[in-house]
């Protein structure tokens, strides 16, 4: 299991990471973990909006949207979020990488 892509989304304003298979994240637990690390979080019930230098949206099914056009910043923000929440990493041989 892992994230199979970190790619520019169709609108071109953000990168998305999609887990395969889909995850079932406990957003309440994720929020507490992130806030405990001093990271601002807005709980929108069906998703978390996280400030990691760039706005990051985390969905219940594990999808991550990172609002930047810079692939290095997207990868850095995803890696930080993955470490904090113990998410699987992006596979190096995944499509879109």
C-alpha atoms as a PDB file:
ATOM      1  CA  UNK A   1       0.000   0.000   0.000  1.00  0.00           C
ATOM      2  CA  UNK A   2       1.166   3.501  -0.717  1.00  0.00           C
ATOM      3  CA  UNK A   3       0.477   6.708  -2.522  1.00  0.00           C
ATOM      4  CA  UNK A   4       0.745   5.978  -6.192  1.00  0.00           C
ATOM      5  CA  UNK A   5       1.051   9.510  -7.471  1.00  0.00           C
ATOM      6  CA  UNK A   6       2.064  13.045  -6.623  1.00  0.00           C
ATOM      7  CA  UNK A   7       1.057  14.946  -9.728  1.00  0.00           C
ATOM      8  CA  UNK A   8      -0.126  18.344 -10.844  1.00  0.00           C
ATOM      9  CA  UNK A   9      -3.907  18.339 -10.745  1.00  0.00           C
ATOM     10  CA  UNK A  10      -6.041  19.107 -13.770  1.00  0.00           C
ATOM     11  CA  UNK A  11      -6.457  22.784 -12.851  1.00  0.00           C
ATOM     12  CA  UNK A  12      -2.687  23.221 -12.617  1.00  0.00           C
ATOM     13  CA  UNK A  13      -2.772  25.086  -9.309  1.00  0.00           C
ATOM     14  CA  UNK A  14      -1.996  22.227  -6.949  1.00  0.00           C
ATOM     15  CA  UNK A  15      -0.455  18.794  -6.617  1.00  0.00           C
ATOM     16  CA  UNK A  16      -2.463  15.797  -5.505  1.00  0.00           C
ATOM     17  CA  UNK A  17      -1.473  12.557  -3.854  1.00  0.00           C
ATOM     18  CA  UNK A  18      -3.860   9.629  -4.076  1.00  0.00           C
ATOM     19  CA  UNK A  19      -3.484   6.481  -1.961  1.00  0.00           C
ATOM     20  CA  UNK A  20      -3.923   3.027  -3.420  1.00  0.00           C
ATOM     21  CA  UNK A  21      -6.002   1.515  -2.034  1.00  0.00           C
ATOM     22  CA  UNK A  22      -8.036   4.308  -0.469  1.00  0.00           C
ATOM     23  CA  UNK A  23      -7.434   4.909   3.211  1.00  0.00           C
ATOM     24  CA  UNK A  24      -9.901   5.542   5.987  1.00  0.00           C
ATOM     25  CA  UNK A  25      -8.351   8.333   8.017  1.00  0.00           C
ATOM     26  CA  UNK A  26      -9.502   9.420  11.453  1.00  0.00           C
ATOM     27  CA  UNK A  27      -9.546  13.166  10.825  1.00  0.00           C
ATOM     28  CA  UNK A  28     -10.057  13.950  14.519  1.00  0.00           C
ATOM     29  CA  UNK A  29      -6.913  12.052  15.445  1.00  0.00           C
ATOM     30  CA  UNK A  30      -5.008  13.620  12.543  1.00  0.00           C
ATOM     31  CA  UNK A  31      -6.099  17.091  13.671  1.00  0.00           C
ATOM     32  CA  UNK A  32      -4.879  16.479  17.230  1.00  0.00           C
ATOM     33  CA  UNK A  33      -1.540  15.182  15.949  1.00  0.00           C
ATOM     34  CA  UNK A  34      -1.019  18.160  13.653  1.00  0.00           C
ATOM     35  CA  UNK A  35      -2.102  20.716  16.249  1.00  0.00           C
ATOM     36  CA  UNK A  36       0.182  19.004  18.772  1.00  0.00           C
ATOM     37  CA  UNK A  37       3.048  19.663  16.357  1.00  0.00           C
ATOM     38  CA  UNK A  38       2.086  23.349  16.269  1.00  0.00           C
ATOM     39  CA  UNK A  39       0.524  23.223  12.806  1.00  0.00           C
ATOM     40  CA  UNK A  40      -2.618  25.310  12.202  1.00  0.00           C
ATOM     41  CA  UNK A  41      -5.598  23.179  11.134  1.00  0.00           C
ATOM     42  CA  UNK A  42      -9.143  24.032  10.104  1.00  0.00           C
ATOM     43  CA  UNK A  43     -11.541  21.131  10.628  1.00  0.00           C
ATOM     44  CA  UNK A  44     -14.168  21.263   7.881  1.00  0.00           C
ATOM     45  CA  UNK A  45     -15.705  17.941   9.055  1.00  0.00           C
ATOM     46  CA  UNK A  46     -15.171  16.071   5.772  1.00  0.00           C
ATOM     47  CA  UNK A  47     -11.609  17.336   5.376  1.00  0.00           C
ATOM     48  CA  UNK A  48      -8.809  19.106   7.191  1.00  0.00           C
ATOM     49  CA  UNK A  49      -7.230  22.265   5.833  1.00  0.00           C
ATOM     50  CA  UNK A  50      -3.631  22.329   7.039  1.00  0.00           C
ATOM     51  CA  UNK A  51      -1.083  25.146   6.850  1.00  0.00           C
ATOM     52  CA  UNK A  52       2.373  23.747   6.021  1.00  0.00           C
ATOM     53  CA  UNK A  53       3.781  26.790   4.280  1.00  0.00           C
ATOM     54  CA  UNK A  54       1.250  26.016   1.575  1.00  0.00           C
ATOM     55  CA  UNK A  55      -2.369  25.124   2.121  1.00  0.00           C
ATOM     56  CA  UNK A  56      -2.853  21.353   2.221  1.00  0.00           C
ATOM     57  CA  UNK A  57      -6.233  19.631   2.171  1.00  0.00           C
ATOM     58  CA  UNK A  58      -6.491  16.155   3.699  1.00  0.00           C
ATOM     59  CA  UNK A  59      -9.607  14.077   2.941  1.00  0.00           C
ATOM     60  CA  UNK A  60     -11.060  11.183   4.906  1.00  0.00           C
ATOM     61  CA  UNK A  61     -10.162   8.780   2.100  1.00  0.00           C
ATOM     62  CA  UNK A  62      -6.486   9.784   2.296  1.00  0.00           C
ATOM     63  CA  UNK A  63      -6.367  12.097  -0.715  1.00  0.00           C
ATOM     64  CA  UNK A  64      -4.014  15.042  -0.225  1.00  0.00           C
ATOM     65  CA  UNK A  65      -4.156  18.290  -2.208  1.00  0.00           C
ATOM     66  CA  UNK A  66      -1.159  20.631  -1.885  1.00  0.00           C
ATOM     67  CA  UNK A  67      -1.758  24.138  -3.222  1.00  0.00           C
ATOM     68  CA  UNK A  68       1.522  24.921  -4.957  1.00  0.00           C
ATOM     69  CA  UNK A  69       2.780  24.746  -8.519  1.00  0.00           C
ATOM     70  CA  UNK A  70       6.290  23.834  -7.325  1.00  0.00           C
ATOM     71  CA  UNK A  71       6.862  20.049  -7.414  1.00  0.00           C
ATOM     72  CA  UNK A  72       9.695  20.236  -4.849  1.00  0.00           C
ATOM     73  CA  UNK A  73       7.528  22.141  -2.378  1.00  0.00           C
ATOM     74  CA  UNK A  74       4.680  19.691  -2.964  1.00  0.00           C
ATOM     75  CA  UNK A  75       6.970  16.716  -2.295  1.00  0.00           C
ATOM     76  CA  UNK A  76       8.421  18.407   0.814  1.00  0.00           C
ATOM     77  CA  UNK A  77       4.964  19.206   2.232  1.00  0.00           C
ATOM     78  CA  UNK A  78       3.672  15.722   1.480  1.00  0.00           C
ATOM     79  CA  UNK A  79       6.710  14.095   3.121  1.00  0.00           C
ATOM     80  CA  UNK A  80       6.243  16.211   6.256  1.00  0.00           C
ATOM     81  CA  UNK A  81       2.544  15.371   6.463  1.00  0.00           C
ATOM     82  CA  UNK A  82       3.275  11.674   5.846  1.00  0.00           C
ATOM     83  CA  UNK A  83       5.862  11.616   8.663  1.00  0.00           C
ATOM     84  CA  UNK A  84       3.573  13.329  11.142  1.00  0.00           C
ATOM     85  CA  UNK A  85       0.525  11.192  10.344  1.00  0.00           C
ATOM     86  CA  UNK A  86       2.410   7.987   9.510  1.00  0.00           C
ATOM     87  CA  UNK A  87       0.966   7.866   5.998  1.00  0.00           C
ATOM     88  CA  UNK A  88       2.451   5.559   3.372  1.00  0.00           C
ATOM     89  CA  UNK A  89       4.979   7.188   1.054  1.00  0.00           C
ATOM     90  CA  UNK A  90       4.735   7.826  -2.678  1.00  0.00           C
ATOM     91  CA  UNK A  91       6.046   4.844  -4.632  1.00  0.00           C
ATOM     92  CA  UNK A  92       9.088   5.855  -6.735  1.00  0.00           C
ATOM     93  CA  UNK A  93       7.778   3.829  -9.684  1.00  0.00           C
ATOM     94  CA  UNK A  94       4.284   5.265  -9.504  1.00  0.00           C
ATOM     95  CA  UNK A  95       2.556   6.851 -12.490  1.00  0.00           C
ATOM     96  CA  UNK A  96       2.901  10.621 -12.509  1.00  0.00           C
ATOM     97  CA  UNK A  97       6.332  10.600 -10.858  1.00  0.00           C
END
